[in-house]
Structure formats: structure tokens, C-alpha cells
Protein backbone atom coordinates (compact mmCIF):
# COMPACT_ATOMS: atom_id res chain seq x y z
CA MET A 1 19.25 34.36 -7.87
CA THR A 2 17.41 35.78 -4.88
CA VAL A 3 15.22 33.77 -2.55
CA LEU A 4 12.09 35.10 -4.25
CA GLU A 5 13.09 34.24 -7.83
CA PRO A 6 11.15 31.35 -9.33
CA ILE A 7 12.91 28.03 -9.76
CA ALA A 8 13.70 27.22 -13.37
CA THR A 9 11.15 24.68 -14.58
CA ALA A 10 11.82 23.47 -18.11
CA ASP A 11 8.67 22.55 -20.04
CA LEU A 12 6.44 23.18 -17.01
CA ASP A 13 3.31 25.24 -17.50
CA ARG A 14 3.62 27.38 -14.39
CA LYS A 15 -0.06 28.40 -14.41
CA LEU A 16 -1.33 24.82 -14.69
CA TYR A 17 1.14 23.59 -12.09
CA GLY A 18 0.17 26.48 -9.83
CA ARG A 19 -3.50 25.49 -10.13
CA LEU A 20 -2.63 21.89 -9.23
CA LEU A 21 -0.64 23.06 -6.21
CA ALA A 22 -3.50 25.32 -5.14
CA LYS A 23 -6.03 22.52 -5.55
CA PHE A 24 -4.11 19.85 -3.64
CA GLY A 25 -2.00 22.02 -1.32
CA PRO A 26 0.97 19.67 -0.86
CA LYS A 27 2.98 20.27 2.29
CA VAL A 28 5.22 18.39 4.67
CA ILE A 29 3.14 15.47 5.97
CA GLU A 30 2.85 15.49 9.75
CA THR A 31 -0.18 13.33 10.58
CA ALA A 32 -1.74 10.05 9.56
CA THR A 33 -4.72 11.98 8.14
CA GLU A 34 -2.44 14.06 5.91
CA HIS A 35 -0.64 10.86 4.90
CA GLU A 36 -3.91 9.21 3.88
CA ALA A 37 -4.93 12.32 1.91
CA ALA A 38 -1.61 12.40 0.05
CA LEU A 39 -1.91 8.67 -0.73
CA ALA A 40 -5.40 9.27 -2.14
CA ILE A 41 -4.12 12.01 -4.46
CA VAL A 42 -1.24 9.80 -5.61
CA GLU A 43 -3.67 6.96 -6.24
CA SER A 44 -5.93 9.19 -8.35
CA LEU A 45 -2.94 10.40 -10.38
CA MET A 46 -1.64 6.85 -10.84
CA GLU A 47 -5.06 5.69 -12.08
CA LYS A 48 -4.72 8.10 -15.00
CA GLY A 49 -1.85 6.00 -16.33
CA ASP A 50 1.63 7.06 -17.39
CA ASP A 51 0.53 8.13 -20.86
CA ASN A 52 -2.42 10.22 -19.65
CA ARG A 53 -0.74 12.40 -17.01
CA SER A 54 0.42 15.86 -17.98
CA HIS A 55 3.98 16.93 -17.21
CA GLU A 56 2.57 19.11 -14.43
CA GLU A 57 0.64 16.17 -12.93
CA GLU A 58 3.77 14.03 -13.16
CA THR A 59 5.71 16.74 -11.31
CA LEU A 60 3.03 16.87 -8.58
CA LEU A 61 3.10 13.08 -8.35
CA GLU A 62 6.86 13.11 -7.81
CA LEU A 63 6.54 15.82 -5.16
CA LEU A 64 3.86 13.91 -3.28
CA ALA A 65 5.83 10.66 -3.52
CA ASP A 66 8.82 12.40 -1.92
CA LEU A 67 6.67 13.89 0.84
CA ILE A 68 5.10 10.48 1.53
CA ARG A 69 8.52 8.77 1.56
CA VAL A 70 9.90 11.26 4.09
CA TYR A 71 6.85 10.82 6.35
CA GLU A 72 6.96 7.03 6.15
CA GLU A 73 10.68 6.93 6.89
CA LYS A 74 10.11 9.11 9.93
CA ILE A 75 7.17 7.04 11.20
CA TYR A 76 7.85 3.47 10.11
CA GLU A 77 11.62 2.94 9.90
CA PRO A 78 12.20 3.38 13.66
CA LEU A 79 9.68 0.57 14.08
CA ALA A 80 11.74 -1.93 12.04
CA ASP A 81 13.53 -3.28 15.12
CA ALA A 82 10.60 -2.85 17.48
CA LYS A 83 8.54 -5.65 19.00
CA PRO A 84 5.25 -6.30 17.15
CA VAL A 85 3.17 -4.95 20.04
CA ASP A 86 5.25 -1.77 20.08
CA VAL A 87 4.69 -1.33 16.35
CA LEU A 88 0.96 -1.73 16.94
CA LYS A 89 0.97 0.76 19.82
CA GLU A 90 2.87 3.34 17.76
CA LEU A 91 0.51 2.97 14.82
CA MET A 92 -2.47 3.26 17.14
CA HIS A 93 -0.99 6.44 18.57
CA ALA A 94 -0.31 7.87 15.09
CA HIS A 95 -3.91 7.15 14.07
CA ASN A 96 -5.45 8.25 17.40
CA LEU A 97 -6.90 4.79 18.06
CA LYS A 98 -7.74 2.99 21.29
CA ALA A 99 -7.91 -0.77 21.93
CA ILE A 100 -11.67 -0.73 21.42
CA ASP A 101 -11.13 0.61 17.90
CA LEU A 102 -9.20 -2.55 16.98
CA ALA A 103 -11.38 -5.04 18.86
CA GLY A 104 -13.03 -6.20 15.64
CA ILE A 105 -9.68 -6.82 13.96
CA LEU A 106 -8.10 -8.53 16.96
CA GLY A 107 -11.05 -10.69 17.99
CA GLY A 108 -12.78 -8.70 20.71
CA ARG A 109 -11.94 -6.39 23.59
CA PRO A 110 -10.38 -9.01 25.89
CA ARG A 111 -8.09 -10.30 23.14
CA ALA A 112 -7.09 -6.75 22.16
CA SER A 113 -6.28 -6.02 25.79
CA ASP A 114 -4.22 -9.23 26.11
CA ILE A 115 -2.25 -8.38 22.97
CA LEU A 116 -1.56 -4.79 24.00
CA SER A 117 -0.47 -5.87 27.49
CA GLY A 118 1.89 -8.47 26.03
CA LYS A 119 0.00 -11.47 27.43
CA ARG A 120 -0.81 -12.77 23.97
CA ALA A 121 1.07 -12.67 20.65
CA ILE A 122 -0.43 -11.36 17.44
CA SER A 123 -1.53 -14.24 15.19
CA LYS A 124 -0.77 -14.38 11.48
CA GLU A 125 -4.41 -13.67 10.63
CA GLN A 126 -4.50 -10.69 13.01
CA ALA A 127 -1.21 -9.46 11.48
CA ARG A 128 -2.76 -9.67 8.01
CA ARG A 129 -5.81 -7.68 9.13
CA LEU A 130 -3.65 -5.11 10.94
CA GLY A 131 -1.47 -4.77 7.83
CA ASP A 132 -4.58 -4.09 5.75
CA ARG A 133 -5.89 -1.60 8.32
CA PHE A 134 -2.66 0.40 8.59
CA ARG A 135 -1.43 -0.15 5.02
CA VAL A 136 1.83 -1.75 6.16
CA SER A 137 3.35 -5.17 5.73
CA PRO A 138 1.82 -7.79 8.06
CA ALA A 139 5.43 -8.77 8.84
CA ALA A 140 5.62 -5.71 11.10
CA PHE A 141 3.29 -7.49 13.53
CA ILE A 142 4.94 -10.93 13.58
């Protein structure tokens, strides 16, 4: 087999799968925006239900799940041993956010500033809201 030979794909309609790949353009996920887009595609495929997805859609779903897993391992696993404020700072950086962008979640600009400078801990309620905002477990912030 040469590099340019197609991969054997039993039962896969290559034309249909090709159209799905062209439509969604899966690639290695490198940014939070790409991550969100991939999650949205996965969500739309999951909403179809197991019995209503074609084999080609199932194959795309598996591909996207792998790409998402690799991205999340790269971004989130190094944060497992980090301090809650460091987790927050890293997520803010990944999402191109500033303290002002989280003021509503954290209880205002002064409180956001105190949290980011380490003067104040993140409360359980703030952790819950941050978890919702970043789609991660609130435990990352406690």
C-alpha cells in the first residue's frame, strides 16, 4: 500500500462520508473556538440517537470524539494538579478572556481582581458558575 492508497473502510459509503468530511472539515483541534465547534457537531450527531445515525455519521462522531479527547487531554490534564486560580488563568488564556469578561460570574471587577491576584479564594457558587462557563467540572476551581 502506498501513502496515497485509500484506507480500507468496510461498509462505509465513501461518497457520503466524503461529503460529511467536506461539510464539517474535522481537523486537529488547536483552539477553544475549534473545540466548541467540534462539541456542537458531536452534540447534533448525538441528538439523532444511536438508531438514527448512519454508519458514516457514526464514523465521523468517533473521529470527532477522538479529536476532542486529544485536545482536552492536552489542555486540561496538566491543570489537574494546578491551583484553582492557575486553572482559571489558563482557561481564560485559552478562551482569550480578561478579568472584566468574568466579572459577572465572579461578582464584579474588584472580586475578580482579588481572585486572580490570589487575595481571595473561589467560592463554591463561583466554581459552579465557572464550571458552567468553561464546560469543566467545578471541582477544578476548588
